[in-house]
Amino acid sequence: MTARANENARQAGRPHPLRVALVCNTAWAIYTYRQGLLYALTQSGAQVTVIAPRDRTFEPLEQMGCQCVELPVASKGTNPLDDLKTLWALYRHYRAIRPDVVFHYTIKPNIYGSVAAWLARVPSVAVTTGLGYVFIQKSRAAQVAKRLYRFAFRFPREVWFLNRDDEAVFKEQNLLTHPERARLLHGEGVDLEQFAFAPLPERDTFSFVLIGRLLWDKGVGEYVEAARALRARYPHARFQLLGPVGVDNPSAISREEVAAWEREGVIEYLGETADVRPFIAGADCVVLPSYREGVPRTLMEASAMGRPIVATDVPGCREVVENGVNGLLCEARDAVSLTAQLAAMLDLPQAERQNMAERGRKKIEKEFDERAVVQRYRELVRQITGVTF
């Protein structure tokens, strides 16, 4: 029998098709960052349930063959009652759906979902997509979050980290009761066909673009300061922002603040989009001065399409960007350092930027191919359930 026939025979002997749940604080993130995984699951006949707050991506997720279940998550809140509602809702969903395995993404699903899955006797995996706001700020909330992580992360079968720095933090701060369950995923990958290499524009102007949720923690303030400092010296340079404003995050930037930068003439706001590829292709350089990341999808996509990058020398960003190879690194929270590196990028000969573009594409092909990431999911699902999708 072929491997496919063997698999079909195993499925035929099961009381139900493979059931997989993915839980996140936004359905948008599941749809945007994990389409390769979703297609692999749904095409194999698995029943896929996405559990997240309702947003505009519920419809395209359902069109892909996923079931979508609305989840209450107070992403900005610290009210224990709200978090208990999230835990109770997840417990009820797991009892009703009975998934063979559930994957949790982002802080509250990681914490409360891991506990709820244990209570419902459902195998779970925690994927830490970045340590986020509470690890950037030194606050009481950060201390509470660490205690919750330490408690909740005793339950998942495995805990996946996207970069070595985050894994090291959890181990050094004794946040893993079972450190042997930690695994390094090294980013969630990019579809190399969807994000195909595109030649750099040949023109008199030069466009920088920062892509992502507009948060102060993404270094948007430093980017605006750098734009102010550079526009007199480099009148041909344009500084663009692409991404949602006023999101549900303590570090969110409002639309009014962005409008003030537009009136000042320092920033062009491009709005938000479901397809970043035309905006990456239209840029000469992609910028992300973030304070901390998991492994930023934006930078993987930009490098795959052959765009030099300027980013901060912080966890996550330095996984994708090698200074002087496929981009330039600056200091975090430092507008002067960012300004210097943006100026250095402007001063580079076109041929050197082209070399950066080509080296970036090769790095993504070697290290961040989405197919390798999906294979990691396949292997773990097989270990837990005995079924390969």
Foldseek 3Di string as FASTA:
>chain_A
DDPLVVQVVVQVPDPHAAEEEEEEQDVLCCVQQPVVLLLVQVVNPYAYEYEYADDPCCVVSVVSVYHYHHAQDLAADDDVVSLVSRLVVLLVVCLVRVHQEYEYEDQSCQQSVLVSCVVNVHAYEYEYFWPPDLVLDDDPVVVVSLVSLLVSQARHQAYEFQFPVVLVVCVVVVSHPCNVRYDYLNDLFDALVLLAAADADDDDAAEEEEEDQAFVQQVPVLLLVLLVVCCVVHVRYAYEYEHDAPDSHPRGDHPVVVVVSVVVVSYHYPYYDSDCNVVLNNHQEYETAHPIGRADPVLLSSLSHQHAYEYAPYYNPCSQDDDQQQYHHFHHPDSVRSSVRVVVVVPDPPVSSNRSSVRSNVCSVVRRHNVVSSVVVQVVSCVSPVHGD
